[in-house]
Amino acid sequence: MRRIAAVLGAGWMMGLSAAAVLESPEQLVRAIYFDFGKPALEAHYWLEKLMAPEARHAFFTPEIIRVLEINYAHELGPAYSCLEVAQAVSGHDYDEIEIQNTLRLDSRDEGERRLVDARFSSLGWPHHLRYEFVLTADGWRIADILSLWEQGTHWRLSELSSCE
């Protein structure tokens, strides 16, 4: 993640200079949830900001970038994208304090992927999101995000290929 400043530009990185350089998948996922609920000007790692056209190449694999390009094609931004479910929380209503107080991260290597599971509760409901990373020549990149439920996978970012 050393090239974040070069990709996103100095303006986006202002205020981040005191923060540690993100070197691992676990650090990135923790940063996403640490910024969750902060006002836009204070948040640097909102998942929506990472998905933005000017940032996505520093955080996602080419396969996921294609999914993002398809779903952002209408240029109305992430608030109007069919990717609205692919946020840091599966749902529209949430309690960021509860999320931060209950967040537990577990990581493990599975083949060539590093899986980082984020488990937390929000509004009294359990949530489980899995961030799948791969190590590329440019560093760690998100290869997929899954929302997991007791019955299995609720959604998978790589499978959100259209707004239909």
Protein backbone atom coordinates (compact mmCIF):
# COMPACT_ATOMS: atom_id res chain seq x y z
CA MET A 1 0.00 0.00 0.00
CA ARG A 2 3.01 2.26 -0.27
CA ARG A 3 1.73 3.86 -3.43
CA ILE A 4 -1.52 5.12 -1.89
CA ALA A 5 -0.42 8.77 -1.86
CA ALA A 6 0.68 8.61 -5.50
CA VAL A 7 -2.60 7.08 -6.61
CA LEU A 8 -4.98 9.19 -4.55
CA GLY A 9 -3.13 12.47 -4.65
CA ALA A 10 -1.81 14.61 -1.85
CA GLY A 11 -5.15 16.34 -1.19
CA TRP A 12 -6.90 13.10 -0.30
CA MET A 13 -4.04 12.07 1.94
CA MET A 14 -3.96 15.30 3.95
CA GLY A 15 -4.51 14.46 7.57
CA LEU A 16 -3.30 10.91 7.02
CA SER A 17 0.39 11.71 7.46
CA ALA A 18 0.25 10.85 11.16
CA ALA A 19 -1.34 7.49 10.42
CA ALA A 20 0.79 4.44 9.82
CA VAL A 21 1.32 3.33 6.25
CA LEU A 22 -1.01 0.43 5.59
CA GLU A 23 1.15 -2.61 5.02
CA SER A 24 -1.21 -5.50 5.66
CA PRO A 25 -4.75 -6.60 4.84
CA GLU A 26 -5.58 -6.58 8.54
CA GLN A 27 -4.51 -2.93 8.85
CA LEU A 28 -6.69 -1.92 5.92
CA VAL A 29 -9.80 -3.67 7.25
CA ARG A 30 -9.22 -2.20 10.71
CA ALA A 31 -8.84 1.28 9.12
CA ILE A 32 -12.12 0.84 7.22
CA TYR A 33 -14.01 0.18 10.44
CA PHE A 34 -12.08 2.77 12.44
CA ASP A 35 -13.25 5.44 9.96
CA PHE A 36 -16.78 4.07 9.80
CA GLY A 37 -19.20 6.68 11.06
CA LYS A 38 -16.73 9.58 10.83
CA PRO A 39 -17.70 12.66 8.81
CA ALA A 40 -16.51 12.49 5.19
CA LEU A 41 -13.71 15.02 5.67
CA GLU A 42 -12.24 13.05 8.56
CA ALA A 43 -12.60 9.58 7.06
CA HIS A 44 -9.84 8.31 4.77
CA TYR A 45 -10.70 4.64 4.49
CA TRP A 46 -14.44 4.55 3.91
CA LEU A 47 -15.03 1.59 1.64
CA GLU A 48 -16.87 3.91 -0.74
CA LYS A 49 -13.79 6.14 -0.98
CA LEU A 50 -11.59 3.12 -1.70
CA MET A 51 -13.99 2.11 -4.49
CA ALA A 52 -13.90 5.57 -6.12
CA PRO A 53 -12.34 5.70 -9.62
CA GLU A 54 -9.30 7.67 -8.44
CA ALA A 55 -8.55 5.20 -5.63
CA ARG A 56 -9.67 1.72 -6.64
CA HIS A 57 -6.41 0.73 -8.40
CA ALA A 58 -4.53 1.02 -5.10
CA PHE A 59 -6.91 -1.30 -3.24
CA PHE A 60 -8.63 -3.78 -5.60
CA THR A 61 -7.67 -6.44 -8.14
CA PRO A 62 -8.38 -5.82 -11.85
CA GLU A 63 -11.31 -8.27 -11.68
CA ILE A 64 -13.01 -6.30 -8.91
CA ILE A 65 -12.17 -3.01 -10.64
CA ARG A 66 -14.16 -4.25 -13.66
CA VAL A 67 -17.13 -4.97 -11.36
CA LEU A 68 -16.82 -1.47 -9.90
CA GLU A 69 -16.61 0.10 -13.36
CA ILE A 70 -19.78 -1.70 -14.49
CA ASN A 71 -21.68 -0.67 -11.41
CA TYR A 72 -20.47 2.93 -11.37
CA ALA A 73 -20.96 3.38 -15.13
CA HIS A 74 -24.00 5.62 -14.75
CA GLU A 75 -21.71 8.09 -12.86
CA LEU A 76 -24.22 8.87 -10.15
CA GLY A 77 -21.73 7.71 -7.53
CA PRO A 78 -21.83 4.94 -4.94
CA ALA A 79 -24.98 6.21 -3.24
CA TYR A 80 -26.93 5.34 -6.40
CA SER A 81 -24.92 2.31 -7.44
CA CYS A 82 -26.24 -1.23 -7.27
CA LEU A 83 -23.19 -1.81 -5.06
CA GLU A 84 -24.96 -0.18 -2.15
CA VAL A 85 -24.96 -3.55 -0.37
CA ALA A 86 -21.19 -3.84 -0.72
CA GLN A 87 -20.45 -1.48 2.09
CA ALA A 88 -18.65 -2.16 5.34
CA VAL A 89 -22.00 -3.17 6.86
CA SER A 90 -24.66 -5.27 5.15
CA GLY A 91 -27.57 -2.92 5.44
CA HIS A 92 -28.62 0.70 5.43
CA ASP A 93 -29.21 1.23 9.16
CA TYR A 94 -26.31 0.78 11.57
CA ASP A 95 -24.81 1.87 14.86
CA GLU A 96 -21.16 2.83 14.29
CA ILE A 97 -20.40 2.93 18.04
CA GLU A 98 -21.70 -0.61 18.49
CA ILE A 99 -19.74 -1.71 15.42
CA GLN A 100 -16.49 -0.26 16.74
CA ASN A 101 -17.10 -1.64 20.25
CA THR A 102 -17.83 -5.17 19.03
CA LEU A 103 -15.47 -5.42 16.04
CA ARG A 104 -13.34 -8.55 16.00
CA LEU A 105 -10.92 -9.30 13.17
CA ASP A 106 -9.58 -12.75 12.39
CA SER A 107 -7.21 -13.50 9.54
CA ARG A 108 -5.77 -16.57 7.97
CA ASP A 109 -4.03 -17.60 4.80
CA GLU A 110 -5.93 -19.89 2.47
CA GLY A 111 -3.89 -20.85 -0.54
CA GLU A 112 -2.65 -17.65 -2.13
CA ARG A 113 -5.32 -15.55 -0.41
CA ARG A 114 -5.34 -13.81 2.94
CA LEU A 115 -8.84 -13.85 4.42
CA VAL A 116 -9.76 -11.17 6.95
CA ASP A 117 -13.07 -11.78 8.70
CA ALA A 118 -14.73 -8.77 10.31
CA ARG A 119 -17.35 -9.76 12.87
CA PHE A 120 -19.39 -7.22 14.79
CA SER A 121 -22.91 -6.37 15.83
CA SER A 122 -25.01 -3.42 14.81
CA LEU A 123 -28.46 -2.62 16.13
CA GLY A 124 -28.22 -5.89 18.03
CA TRP A 125 -27.72 -8.01 14.90
CA PRO A 126 -24.55 -9.97 14.17
CA HIS A 127 -22.63 -9.19 10.97
CA HIS A 128 -19.82 -11.11 9.30
CA LEU A 129 -17.96 -9.74 6.31
CA ARG A 130 -14.98 -11.46 4.74
CA TYR A 131 -12.35 -9.51 2.85
CA GLU A 132 -10.29 -11.70 0.52
CA PHE A 133 -6.87 -10.31 -0.39
CA VAL A 134 -4.20 -11.40 -2.85
CA LEU A 135 -0.59 -10.28 -2.89
CA THR A 136 0.29 -8.66 -6.21
CA ALA A 137 3.47 -7.06 -7.52
CA ASP A 138 2.04 -3.74 -6.25
CA GLY A 139 1.12 -5.06 -2.79
CA TRP A 140 -2.03 -6.46 -1.19
CA ARG A 141 -5.27 -5.96 -3.12
CA ILE A 142 -8.87 -6.83 -2.26
CA ALA A 143 -9.92 -9.71 -4.52
CA ASP A 144 -13.45 -10.03 -3.13
CA ILE A 145 -15.75 -9.06 -0.27
CA LEU A 146 -18.43 -11.42 1.01
CA SER A 147 -21.31 -10.89 3.39
CA LEU A 148 -21.76 -14.14 5.29
CA TRP A 149 -24.86 -15.32 7.14
CA GLU A 150 -25.65 -18.47 9.07
CA GLN A 151 -27.20 -19.91 5.90
CA GLY A 152 -24.15 -19.15 3.75
CA THR A 153 -23.12 -16.25 1.55
CA HIS A 154 -25.59 -13.36 1.41
CA TRP A 155 -23.71 -11.51 -1.34
CA ARG A 156 -20.28 -11.50 -2.97
CA LEU A 157 -18.84 -8.33 -4.51
CA SER A 158 -17.39 -10.21 -7.49
CA GLU A 159 -20.88 -11.45 -8.42
CA LEU A 160 -22.56 -8.02 -8.45
CA SER A 161 -22.12 -7.62 -12.17
CA SER A 162 -25.16 -5.54 -13.07
CA CYS A 163 -27.91 -3.45 -11.56
CA GLU A 164 -30.61 -5.90 -12.69
